[in-house]
Amino acid sequence: MSRDSGGPFSSKRLDDAYAQGREDAQTGEGRLSARRMAALTLGSPDFFLPGGQARFDARMRSYVQGYEDALRVFRVEPARHGAAPPVDPSSPPSSPPSSGASVAASYDQQLELLSEMDSFLRTLQERLGQALQGYERRLSSLHEAGLLDDYHAHLERQALEHSRAQIRQLVEALGERDLVAVRRIIAAVQAHRDQMRT
């Protein structure tokens, strides 16, 4: 299936997203990782402007199509590209190294990687908050520069209020769901590591 190149979102960003999807499939990267999602979102300065969600959705569709096209070409099952079985944080990692020192080092590496994810998610929360503040300041400054009251009020009601609610909801979800999930796994890995050392 060929990628649709028409429509209002046929831009370099769509081409880049499609190419990134193909590259991730060919190199074995998991589709739609947290890092890739953030790149597609925060890498788009227009994401938080009116219509930004539609532009983001178009880029995501382009990315997914590129990923799936590459899998079809190379006849590779998606399960071989980053898919993993469900994680039970209370269970030790599967297939640990044989020696105690290697096991401890493996746990330490996992903790380091998980700490990076924790830091990334906290930074993402902060940047989302900063983006919202920037949006609010820009609309206010345009009003002060002469944007008519009616236009300002319309944009505030029809665009900003909706985007503000979505961004705050996302920031809250990152704290209550994503960070909690990462920290549960960190606690479980730390407990297993400590058991190995005793």
N, C-alpha and C. Protein backbone atom coordinates (compact mmCIF):
# COMPACT_ATOMS: atom_id res chain seq x y z
N MET A 1 0.85 -1.19 0.00
CA MET A 1 0.00 0.00 0.00
C MET A 1 0.88 1.23 0.00
N SER A 2 0.60 2.13 -0.89
CA SER A 2 1.41 3.34 -0.98
C SER A 2 0.89 4.39 -0.02
N ARG A 3 1.79 5.25 0.42
CA ARG A 3 1.43 6.30 1.36
C ARG A 3 0.72 7.41 0.62
N ASP A 4 -0.38 7.89 1.21
CA ASP A 4 -1.13 8.98 0.61
C ASP A 4 -0.35 10.26 0.76
N SER A 5 -0.02 10.90 -0.36
CA SER A 5 0.78 12.12 -0.30
C SER A 5 -0.06 13.37 -0.47
N GLY A 6 -1.38 13.22 -0.58
CA GLY A 6 -2.22 14.37 -0.79
C GLY A 6 -2.74 14.93 0.51
N GLY A 7 -3.57 16.00 0.40
CA GLY A 7 -4.21 16.56 1.58
C GLY A 7 -3.41 17.69 2.16
N PRO A 8 -4.02 18.37 3.15
CA PRO A 8 -3.41 19.57 3.71
C PRO A 8 -2.18 19.30 4.55
N PHE A 9 -1.89 18.04 4.90
CA PHE A 9 -0.76 17.74 5.76
C PHE A 9 0.39 17.09 4.99
N SER A 10 0.38 17.17 3.63
CA SER A 10 1.46 16.58 2.85
C SER A 10 2.65 17.52 2.89
N SER A 11 3.52 17.32 3.85
CA SER A 11 4.64 18.22 4.07
C SER A 11 5.88 17.40 4.39
N LYS A 12 6.97 18.12 4.60
CA LYS A 12 8.21 17.46 4.97
C LYS A 12 8.05 16.70 6.27
N ARG A 13 7.21 17.21 7.19
CA ARG A 13 7.00 16.52 8.46
C ARG A 13 6.37 15.14 8.24
N LEU A 14 5.43 15.05 7.30
CA LEU A 14 4.84 13.75 7.00
C LEU A 14 5.88 12.82 6.39
N ASP A 15 6.70 13.36 5.49
CA ASP A 15 7.75 12.54 4.88
C ASP A 15 8.74 12.06 5.93
N ASP A 16 9.11 12.95 6.85
CA ASP A 16 10.05 12.58 7.91
C ASP A 16 9.47 11.51 8.82
N ALA A 17 8.17 11.65 9.17
CA ALA A 17 7.53 10.67 10.03
C ALA A 17 7.45 9.31 9.35
N TYR A 18 7.12 9.31 8.05
CA TYR A 18 7.05 8.06 7.29
C TYR A 18 8.43 7.40 7.24
N ALA A 19 9.47 8.19 6.95
CA ALA A 19 10.83 7.66 6.88
C ALA A 19 11.28 7.13 8.23
N GLN A 20 10.89 7.82 9.30
CA GLN A 20 11.27 7.35 10.64
C GLN A 20 10.59 6.03 10.97
N GLY A 21 9.34 5.89 10.56
CA GLY A 21 8.64 4.63 10.77
C GLY A 21 9.32 3.48 10.05
N ARG A 22 9.73 3.70 8.81
CA ARG A 22 10.44 2.65 8.06
C ARG A 22 11.78 2.31 8.72
N GLU A 23 12.48 3.34 9.15
CA GLU A 23 13.78 3.11 9.79
C GLU A 23 13.63 2.31 11.08
N ASP A 24 12.63 2.65 11.88
CA ASP A 24 12.42 1.93 13.14
C ASP A 24 12.10 0.47 12.90
N ALA A 25 11.30 0.20 11.87
CA ALA A 25 10.97 -1.19 11.56
C ALA A 25 12.20 -1.97 11.10
N GLN A 26 13.04 -1.33 10.30
CA GLN A 26 14.22 -2.01 9.75
C GLN A 26 15.32 -2.22 10.78
N THR A 27 15.39 -1.33 11.77
CA THR A 27 16.45 -1.43 12.77
C THR A 27 16.00 -2.15 14.03
N GLY A 28 14.71 -2.53 14.09
CA GLY A 28 14.24 -3.27 15.25
C GLY A 28 13.75 -2.42 16.39
N GLU A 29 13.60 -1.12 16.17
CA GLU A 29 13.08 -0.26 17.23
C GLU A 29 11.59 -0.57 17.44
N GLY A 30 11.14 -0.51 18.69
CA GLY A 30 9.73 -0.72 18.98
C GLY A 30 8.89 0.42 18.44
N ARG A 31 7.80 0.11 17.81
CA ARG A 31 6.95 1.14 17.24
C ARG A 31 6.33 2.00 18.33
N LEU A 32 6.32 3.33 18.14
CA LEU A 32 5.66 4.27 19.02
C LEU A 32 6.19 4.22 20.44
N SER A 33 7.49 4.21 20.59
CA SER A 33 8.09 4.28 21.91
C SER A 33 7.82 5.64 22.52
N ALA A 34 8.00 5.75 23.84
CA ALA A 34 7.76 7.04 24.51
C ALA A 34 8.67 8.11 23.94
N ARG A 35 9.93 7.75 23.66
CA ARG A 35 10.87 8.72 23.12
C ARG A 35 10.43 9.19 21.74
N ARG A 36 9.93 8.26 20.89
CA ARG A 36 9.50 8.63 19.55
C ARG A 36 8.23 9.49 19.62
N MET A 37 7.31 9.14 20.53
CA MET A 37 6.10 9.95 20.69
C MET A 37 6.45 11.37 21.07
N ALA A 38 7.40 11.51 21.99
CA ALA A 38 7.79 12.86 22.42
C ALA A 38 8.43 13.63 21.27
N ALA A 39 9.24 12.92 20.46
CA ALA A 39 9.89 13.59 19.34
C ALA A 39 8.85 14.09 18.34
N LEU A 40 7.83 13.27 18.09
CA LEU A 40 6.79 13.67 17.15
C LEU A 40 5.94 14.81 17.71
N THR A 41 5.84 14.88 19.06
CA THR A 41 5.01 15.91 19.69
C THR A 41 5.80 17.17 19.93
N LEU A 42 6.83 17.09 20.79
CA LEU A 42 7.58 18.28 21.17
C LEU A 42 8.44 18.79 20.02
N GLY A 43 8.73 17.92 19.06
CA GLY A 43 9.50 18.36 17.91
C GLY A 43 8.66 19.15 16.93
N SER A 44 7.38 19.32 17.24
CA SER A 44 6.46 20.05 16.36
C SER A 44 6.00 21.31 17.07
N PRO A 45 6.59 22.44 16.76
CA PRO A 45 6.24 23.66 17.49
C PRO A 45 4.79 24.07 17.33
N ASP A 46 4.11 23.54 16.30
CA ASP A 46 2.71 23.90 16.09
C ASP A 46 1.75 22.95 16.78
N PHE A 47 2.25 21.99 17.57
CA PHE A 47 1.38 20.98 18.17
C PHE A 47 0.33 21.60 19.07
N PHE A 48 0.73 22.63 19.83
CA PHE A 48 -0.18 23.21 20.81
C PHE A 48 -0.99 24.38 20.26
N LEU A 49 -0.88 24.63 18.97
CA LEU A 49 -1.69 25.66 18.35
C LEU A 49 -2.99 25.05 17.84
N PRO A 50 -4.00 25.87 17.57
CA PRO A 50 -5.25 25.32 17.04
C PRO A 50 -4.99 24.44 15.82
N GLY A 51 -5.60 23.28 15.80
CA GLY A 51 -5.40 22.33 14.71
C GLY A 51 -4.19 21.45 14.89
N GLY A 52 -3.45 21.66 15.98
CA GLY A 52 -2.22 20.89 16.21
C GLY A 52 -2.48 19.40 16.36
N GLN A 53 -3.58 19.03 17.00
CA GLN A 53 -3.89 17.62 17.18
C GLN A 53 -4.09 16.92 15.83
N ALA A 54 -4.76 17.61 14.90
CA ALA A 54 -4.97 17.02 13.58
C ALA A 54 -3.64 16.84 12.85
N ARG A 55 -2.74 17.82 12.99
CA ARG A 55 -1.42 17.70 12.35
C ARG A 55 -0.63 16.55 12.98
N PHE A 56 -0.71 16.44 14.30
CA PHE A 56 -0.01 15.36 14.99
C PHE A 56 -0.57 14.01 14.56
N ASP A 57 -1.91 13.89 14.49
CA ASP A 57 -2.52 12.64 14.05
C ASP A 57 -2.07 12.25 12.65
N ALA A 58 -1.96 13.25 11.78
CA ALA A 58 -1.51 12.97 10.41
C ALA A 58 -0.08 12.44 10.42
N ARG A 59 0.79 13.05 11.24
CA ARG A 59 2.17 12.57 11.33
C ARG A 59 2.23 11.16 11.92
N MET A 60 1.38 10.89 12.92
CA MET A 60 1.36 9.56 13.50
C MET A 60 0.91 8.52 12.48
N ARG A 61 -0.11 8.86 11.69
CA ARG A 61 -0.56 7.92 10.66
C ARG A 61 0.55 7.66 9.64
N SER A 62 1.28 8.72 9.30
CA SER A 62 2.38 8.57 8.35
C SER A 62 3.49 7.69 8.93
N TYR A 63 3.79 7.91 10.21
CA TYR A 63 4.81 7.09 10.88
C TYR A 63 4.40 5.61 10.89
N VAL A 64 3.17 5.34 11.32
CA VAL A 64 2.68 3.96 11.41
C VAL A 64 2.68 3.31 10.03
N GLN A 65 2.26 4.07 9.00
CA GLN A 65 2.23 3.49 7.66
C GLN A 65 3.65 3.16 7.19
N GLY A 66 4.60 4.05 7.48
CA GLY A 66 5.98 3.75 7.12
C GLY A 66 6.49 2.50 7.82
N TYR A 67 6.16 2.37 9.10
CA TYR A 67 6.58 1.20 9.88
C TYR A 67 5.99 -0.08 9.29
N GLU A 68 4.67 -0.04 9.03
CA GLU A 68 4.00 -1.24 8.53
C GLU A 68 4.42 -1.57 7.10
N ASP A 69 4.67 -0.56 6.27
CA ASP A 69 5.14 -0.80 4.91
C ASP A 69 6.48 -1.52 4.93
N ALA A 70 7.37 -1.07 5.84
CA ALA A 70 8.69 -1.70 5.93
C ALA A 70 8.58 -3.15 6.39
N LEU A 71 7.66 -3.43 7.31
CA LEU A 71 7.48 -4.81 7.77
C LEU A 71 6.99 -5.69 6.63
N ARG A 72 6.10 -5.16 5.81
CA ARG A 72 5.61 -5.96 4.68
C ARG A 72 6.72 -6.24 3.68
N VAL A 73 7.54 -5.24 3.43
CA VAL A 73 8.63 -5.41 2.45
C VAL A 73 9.62 -6.47 2.92
N PHE A 74 9.96 -6.40 4.21
CA PHE A 74 10.97 -7.32 4.74
C PHE A 74 10.36 -8.59 5.31
N ARG A 75 9.01 -8.69 5.27
CA ARG A 75 8.31 -9.87 5.77
C ARG A 75 8.76 -10.20 7.20
N VAL A 76 8.77 -9.19 8.04
CA VAL A 76 9.18 -9.37 9.43
C VAL A 76 7.96 -9.23 10.31
N GLU A 77 7.79 -10.11 11.27
CA GLU A 77 6.66 -10.02 12.18
C GLU A 77 6.86 -8.87 13.16
N PRO A 78 5.81 -8.10 13.44
CA PRO A 78 5.93 -7.00 14.39
C PRO A 78 6.43 -7.46 15.76
N ALA A 79 6.11 -8.68 16.16
CA ALA A 79 6.53 -9.16 17.48
C ALA A 79 8.05 -9.20 17.61
N ARG A 80 8.76 -9.24 16.48
CA ARG A 80 10.21 -9.27 16.53
C ARG A 80 10.80 -7.88 16.64
N HIS A 81 9.97 -6.87 16.57
CA HIS A 81 10.45 -5.49 16.57
C HIS A 81 9.97 -4.74 17.79
N GLY A 82 10.53 -5.08 18.93
CA GLY A 82 10.28 -4.30 20.12
C GLY A 82 9.10 -4.77 20.94
N ALA A 83 8.25 -5.67 20.42
CA ALA A 83 7.13 -6.13 21.21
C ALA A 83 7.64 -7.02 22.33
N ALA A 84 7.03 -6.90 23.48
CA ALA A 84 7.48 -7.68 24.63
C ALA A 84 6.27 -8.25 25.34
N PRO A 85 6.45 -9.37 26.08
CA PRO A 85 5.33 -9.91 26.85
C PRO A 85 4.94 -8.96 27.96
N PRO A 86 3.73 -9.11 28.51
CA PRO A 86 3.31 -8.23 29.61
C PRO A 86 4.31 -8.28 30.75
N VAL A 87 4.52 -7.12 31.38
CA VAL A 87 5.50 -7.01 32.46
C VAL A 87 4.82 -7.17 33.80
N ASP A 88 5.35 -8.03 34.63
CA ASP A 88 4.91 -8.16 36.02
C ASP A 88 6.05 -7.63 36.88
N PRO A 89 5.93 -6.41 37.41
CA PRO A 89 7.04 -5.82 38.17
C PRO A 89 7.45 -6.63 39.39
N SER A 90 6.55 -7.52 39.87
CA SER A 90 6.89 -8.30 41.04
C SER A 90 7.75 -9.50 40.72
N SER A 91 7.89 -9.81 39.43
CA SER A 91 8.69 -10.96 39.02
C SER A 91 10.08 -10.51 38.59
N PRO A 92 11.12 -11.32 38.86
CA PRO A 92 12.46 -10.95 38.42
C PRO A 92 12.55 -11.01 36.91
N PRO A 93 13.52 -10.29 36.30
CA PRO A 93 13.69 -10.34 34.85
C PRO A 93 13.93 -11.75 34.37
N SER A 94 13.44 -12.07 33.16
CA SER A 94 13.64 -13.41 32.61
C SER A 94 15.07 -13.57 32.11
N SER A 95 15.55 -14.79 32.14
CA SER A 95 16.89 -15.15 31.66
C SER A 95 17.99 -14.26 32.23
N PRO A 96 18.15 -14.21 33.57
CA PRO A 96 19.22 -13.40 34.13
C PRO A 96 20.57 -14.02 33.86
N PRO A 97 21.66 -13.25 33.89
CA PRO A 97 23.00 -13.80 33.72
C PRO A 97 23.28 -14.82 34.81
N SER A 98 24.25 -15.69 34.57
CA SER A 98 24.49 -16.81 35.47
C SER A 98 25.22 -16.41 36.74
N SER A 99 26.20 -15.52 36.67
CA SER A 99 26.98 -15.20 37.86
C SER A 99 26.32 -14.10 38.67
N GLY A 100 26.58 -14.11 39.99
CA GLY A 100 26.00 -13.11 40.87
C GLY A 100 26.43 -11.71 40.49
N ALA A 101 27.70 -11.53 40.15
CA ALA A 101 28.19 -10.19 39.78
C ALA A 101 27.51 -9.70 38.52
N SER A 102 27.33 -10.61 37.55
CA SER A 102 26.68 -10.22 36.30
C SER A 102 25.22 -9.87 36.53
N VAL A 103 24.57 -10.62 37.41
CA VAL A 103 23.17 -10.34 37.72
C VAL A 103 23.05 -8.96 38.34
N ALA A 104 23.92 -8.64 39.30
CA ALA A 104 23.88 -7.34 39.96
C ALA A 104 24.12 -6.22 38.94
N ALA A 105 25.08 -6.46 38.03
CA ALA A 105 25.37 -5.45 37.01
C ALA A 105 24.17 -5.26 36.09
N SER A 106 23.49 -6.38 35.77
CA SER A 106 22.31 -6.29 34.91
C SER A 106 21.20 -5.50 35.59
N TYR A 107 20.99 -5.75 36.87
CA TYR A 107 19.98 -4.98 37.61
C TYR A 107 20.36 -3.50 37.65
N ASP A 108 21.63 -3.22 37.86
CA ASP A 108 22.07 -1.82 37.91
C ASP A 108 21.83 -1.13 36.57
N GLN A 109 22.08 -1.85 35.49
CA GLN A 109 21.83 -1.27 34.17
C GLN A 109 20.34 -0.97 33.97
N GLN A 110 19.49 -1.92 34.39
CA GLN A 110 18.05 -1.70 34.26
C GLN A 110 17.60 -0.51 35.09
N LEU A 111 18.15 -0.38 36.28
CA LEU A 111 17.79 0.75 37.14
C LEU A 111 18.23 2.07 36.51
N GLU A 112 19.40 2.06 35.89
CA GLU A 112 19.89 3.28 35.23
C GLU A 112 18.97 3.66 34.08
N LEU A 113 18.57 2.68 33.27
CA LEU A 113 17.68 2.95 32.15
C LEU A 113 16.30 3.42 32.62
N LEU A 114 15.80 2.77 33.66
CA LEU A 114 14.50 3.17 34.19
C LEU A 114 14.55 4.56 34.80
N SER A 115 15.68 4.89 35.41
CA SER A 115 15.85 6.25 35.95
C SER A 115 15.85 7.28 34.84
N GLU A 116 16.44 6.92 33.70
CA GLU A 116 16.41 7.82 32.54
C GLU A 116 14.97 8.07 32.09
N MET A 117 14.15 7.01 32.09
CA MET A 117 12.75 7.16 31.70
C MET A 117 12.00 8.03 32.70
N ASP A 118 12.28 7.83 33.98
CA ASP A 118 11.65 8.66 35.02
C ASP A 118 11.99 10.13 34.79
N SER A 119 13.27 10.40 34.53
CA SER A 119 13.71 11.77 34.29
C SER A 119 13.07 12.33 33.02
N PHE A 120 13.00 11.51 31.99
CA PHE A 120 12.40 11.94 30.72
C PHE A 120 10.94 12.33 30.91
N LEU A 121 10.19 11.52 31.66
CA LEU A 121 8.77 11.80 31.85
C LEU A 121 8.57 13.07 32.67
N ARG A 122 9.42 13.29 33.68
CA ARG A 122 9.30 14.52 34.46
C ARG A 122 9.63 15.74 33.61
N THR A 123 10.63 15.60 32.74
CA THR A 123 10.96 16.70 31.83
C THR A 123 9.83 16.96 30.85
N LEU A 124 9.21 15.89 30.38
CA LEU A 124 8.07 16.02 29.47
C LEU A 124 6.94 16.78 30.14
N GLN A 125 6.64 16.45 31.39
CA GLN A 125 5.62 17.19 32.13
C GLN A 125 5.95 18.68 32.19
N GLU A 126 7.21 18.97 32.51
CA GLU A 126 7.63 20.36 32.63
C GLU A 126 7.51 21.10 31.31
N ARG A 127 7.91 20.45 30.22
CA ARG A 127 7.86 21.11 28.92
C ARG A 127 6.44 21.32 28.44
N LEU A 128 5.57 20.38 28.76
CA LEU A 128 4.17 20.57 28.40
C LEU A 128 3.60 21.78 29.14
N GLY A 129 3.95 21.90 30.42
CA GLY A 129 3.50 23.06 31.18
C GLY A 129 4.05 24.36 30.61
N GLN A 130 5.31 24.34 30.21
CA GLN A 130 5.92 25.53 29.62
C GLN A 130 5.27 25.88 28.28
N ALA A 131 4.94 24.85 27.50
CA ALA A 131 4.29 25.10 26.21
C ALA A 131 2.92 25.74 26.41
N LEU A 132 2.18 25.27 27.42
CA LEU A 132 0.88 25.86 27.71
C LEU A 132 1.03 27.32 28.14
N GLN A 133 1.99 27.60 28.99
CA GLN A 133 2.23 28.98 29.43
C GLN A 133 2.60 29.86 28.24
N GLY A 134 3.41 29.32 27.33
CA GLY A 134 3.79 30.07 26.14
C GLY A 134 2.59 30.39 25.26
N TYR A 135 1.70 29.42 25.13
CA TYR A 135 0.47 29.61 24.35
C TYR A 135 -0.36 30.72 24.97
N GLU A 136 -0.54 30.66 26.29
CA GLU A 136 -1.34 31.67 26.98
C GLU A 136 -0.72 33.06 26.84
N ARG A 137 0.60 33.14 27.00
CA ARG A 137 1.29 34.43 26.89
C ARG A 137 1.19 34.99 25.48
N ARG A 138 1.32 34.11 24.48
CA ARG A 138 1.27 34.58 23.09
C ARG A 138 -0.11 35.15 22.76
N LEU A 139 -1.15 34.46 23.16
CA LEU A 139 -2.49 34.96 22.88
C LEU A 139 -2.72 36.28 23.59
N SER A 140 -2.24 36.38 24.82
CA SER A 140 -2.39 37.62 25.58
C SER A 140 -1.62 38.76 24.92
N SER A 141 -0.39 38.47 24.47
CA SER A 141 0.43 39.52 23.85
C SER A 141 -0.17 39.99 22.53
N LEU A 142 -0.78 39.07 21.79
CA LEU A 142 -1.45 39.46 20.54
C LEU A 142 -2.64 40.36 20.83
N HIS A 143 -3.34 40.08 21.91
CA HIS A 143 -4.46 40.93 22.30
C HIS A 143 -3.96 42.33 22.65
N GLU A 144 -2.87 42.38 23.41
CA GLU A 144 -2.30 43.67 23.79
C GLU A 144 -1.77 44.42 22.57
N ALA A 145 -1.34 43.68 21.54
CA ALA A 145 -0.80 44.31 20.34
C ALA A 145 -1.89 44.80 19.39
N GLY A 146 -3.14 44.49 19.70
CA GLY A 146 -4.21 45.01 18.86
C GLY A 146 -5.20 44.00 18.34
N LEU A 147 -5.04 42.72 18.70
CA LEU A 147 -6.02 41.73 18.26
C LEU A 147 -7.38 42.10 18.84
N LEU A 148 -8.39 42.14 18.01
CA LEU A 148 -9.72 42.57 18.44
C LEU A 148 -10.25 41.71 19.58
N ASP A 149 -11.00 42.35 20.46
CA ASP A 149 -11.53 41.65 21.63
C ASP A 149 -12.35 40.42 21.23
N ASP A 150 -13.17 40.57 20.20
CA ASP A 150 -14.01 39.45 19.77
C ASP A 150 -13.17 38.27 19.31
N TYR A 151 -12.10 38.55 18.54
CA TYR A 151 -11.23 37.47 18.07
C TYR A 151 -10.50 36.83 19.24
N HIS A 152 -10.01 37.67 20.13
CA HIS A 152 -9.29 37.15 21.30
C HIS A 152 -10.21 36.27 22.15
N ALA A 153 -11.41 36.74 22.41
CA ALA A 153 -12.35 35.97 23.22
C ALA A 153 -12.73 34.66 22.53
N HIS A 154 -12.90 34.71 21.22
CA HIS A 154 -13.26 33.49 20.48
C HIS A 154 -12.11 32.47 20.56
N LEU A 155 -10.89 32.92 20.34
CA LEU A 155 -9.76 32.00 20.40
C LEU A 155 -9.57 31.44 21.81
N GLU A 156 -9.82 32.27 22.80
CA GLU A 156 -9.67 31.81 24.18
C GLU A 156 -10.70 30.74 24.52
N ARG A 157 -11.94 30.96 24.06
CA ARG A 157 -13.01 30.01 24.37
C ARG A 157 -12.93 28.75 23.51
N GLN A 158 -12.71 28.94 22.21
CA GLN A 158 -12.80 27.82 21.28
C GLN A 158 -11.51 27.04 21.11
N ALA A 159 -10.38 27.64 21.44
CA ALA A 159 -9.09 26.97 21.22
C ALA A 159 -8.32 26.78 22.52
N LEU A 160 -7.98 27.89 23.15
CA LEU A 160 -7.10 27.81 24.32
C LEU A 160 -7.69 26.99 25.46
N GLU A 161 -8.95 27.22 25.79
CA GLU A 161 -9.55 26.50 26.91
C GLU A 161 -9.54 24.99 26.67
N HIS A 162 -9.82 24.59 25.44
CA HIS A 162 -9.82 23.16 25.10
C HIS A 162 -8.41 22.59 25.18
N SER A 163 -7.45 23.30 24.61
CA SER A 163 -6.06 22.83 24.63
C SER A 163 -5.51 22.82 26.05
N ARG A 164 -5.86 23.83 26.84
CA ARG A 164 -5.41 23.89 28.23
C ARG A 164 -5.88 22.65 29.00
N ALA A 165 -7.15 22.30 28.81
CA ALA A 165 -7.70 21.13 29.51
C ALA A 165 -6.99 19.85 29.07
N GLN A 166 -6.73 19.72 27.77
CA GLN A 166 -6.07 18.50 27.27
C GLN A 166 -4.64 18.39 27.78
N ILE A 167 -3.92 19.51 27.77
CA ILE A 167 -2.53 19.48 28.21
C ILE A 167 -2.46 19.17 29.70
N ARG A 168 -3.32 19.80 30.48
CA ARG A 168 -3.32 19.52 31.93
C ARG A 168 -3.70 18.08 32.21
N GLN A 169 -4.62 17.54 31.41
CA GLN A 169 -5.00 16.14 31.58
C GLN A 169 -3.82 15.22 31.25
N LEU A 170 -3.07 15.55 30.21
CA LEU A 170 -1.92 14.75 29.84
C LEU A 170 -0.83 14.82 30.91
N VAL A 171 -0.57 16.03 31.42
CA VAL A 171 0.43 16.18 32.49
C VAL A 171 0.03 15.36 33.70
N GLU A 172 -1.25 15.40 34.04
CA GLU A 172 -1.74 14.63 35.19
C GLU A 172 -1.60 13.14 34.95
N ALA A 173 -1.93 12.69 33.73
CA ALA A 173 -1.82 11.27 33.41
C ALA A 173 -0.37 10.79 33.46
N LEU A 174 0.55 11.63 33.01
CA LEU A 174 1.96 11.26 33.07
C LEU A 174 2.39 11.03 34.51
N GLY A 175 1.87 11.84 35.44
CA GLY A 175 2.24 11.69 36.84
C GLY A 175 1.53 10.53 37.51
N GLU A 176 0.26 10.33 37.19
CA GLU A 176 -0.53 9.32 37.90
C GLU A 176 -0.44 7.93 37.28
N ARG A 177 -0.02 7.86 36.01
CA ARG A 177 0.02 6.56 35.33
C ARG A 177 1.44 6.19 34.93
N ASP A 178 2.04 7.01 34.05
CA ASP A 178 3.34 6.65 33.48
C ASP A 178 4.44 6.63 34.53
N LEU A 179 4.56 7.70 35.30
CA LEU A 179 5.60 7.74 36.32
C LEU A 179 5.38 6.69 37.39
N VAL A 180 4.13 6.46 37.76
CA VAL A 180 3.84 5.42 38.75
C VAL A 180 4.28 4.05 38.23
N ALA A 181 4.00 3.77 36.96
CA ALA A 181 4.38 2.48 36.38
C ALA A 181 5.89 2.31 36.39
N VAL A 182 6.62 3.35 35.98
CA VAL A 182 8.09 3.28 35.96
C VAL A 182 8.62 3.06 37.38
N ARG A 183 8.08 3.77 38.34
CA ARG A 183 8.60 3.69 39.71
C ARG A 183 8.26 2.36 40.38
N ARG A 184 7.16 1.76 39.98
CA ARG A 184 6.85 0.41 40.50
C ARG A 184 7.88 -0.59 40.01
N ILE A 185 8.23 -0.48 38.74
CA ILE A 185 9.23 -1.40 38.20
C ILE A 185 10.58 -1.14 38.87
N ILE A 186 10.93 0.13 39.07
CA ILE A 186 12.20 0.45 39.74
C ILE A 186 12.23 -0.18 41.13
N ALA A 187 11.14 -0.05 41.88
CA ALA A 187 11.10 -0.63 43.22
C ALA A 187 11.26 -2.15 43.18
N ALA A 188 10.61 -2.79 42.20
CA ALA A 188 10.71 -4.25 42.08
C ALA A 188 12.13 -4.67 41.72
N VAL A 189 12.74 -3.97 40.77
CA VAL A 189 14.12 -4.31 40.37
C VAL A 189 15.08 -4.10 41.53
N GLN A 190 14.90 -3.02 42.27
CA GLN A 190 15.76 -2.77 43.43
C GLN A 190 15.63 -3.89 44.45
N ALA A 191 14.40 -4.34 44.68
CA ALA A 191 14.18 -5.42 45.64
C ALA A 191 14.85 -6.72 45.19
N HIS A 192 14.73 -7.05 43.89
CA HIS A 192 15.37 -8.26 43.37
C HIS A 192 16.89 -8.14 43.44
N ARG A 193 17.41 -6.95 43.13
CA ARG A 193 18.85 -6.76 43.19
C ARG A 193 19.36 -6.93 44.62
N ASP A 194 18.63 -6.36 45.57
CA ASP A 194 19.05 -6.46 46.97
C ASP A 194 19.02 -7.90 47.45
N GLN A 195 18.04 -8.67 46.96
CA GLN A 195 17.98 -10.09 47.32
C GLN A 195 19.19 -10.84 46.80
N MET A 196 19.62 -10.49 45.60
CA MET A 196 20.79 -11.15 45.01
C MET A 196 22.06 -10.84 45.79
N ARG A 197 22.10 -9.69 46.43
CA ARG A 197 23.32 -9.27 47.12
C ARG A 197 23.39 -9.76 48.56
N THR A 198 22.27 -10.32 49.04
CA THR A 198 22.27 -10.83 50.43
C THR A 198 22.53 -12.32 50.46
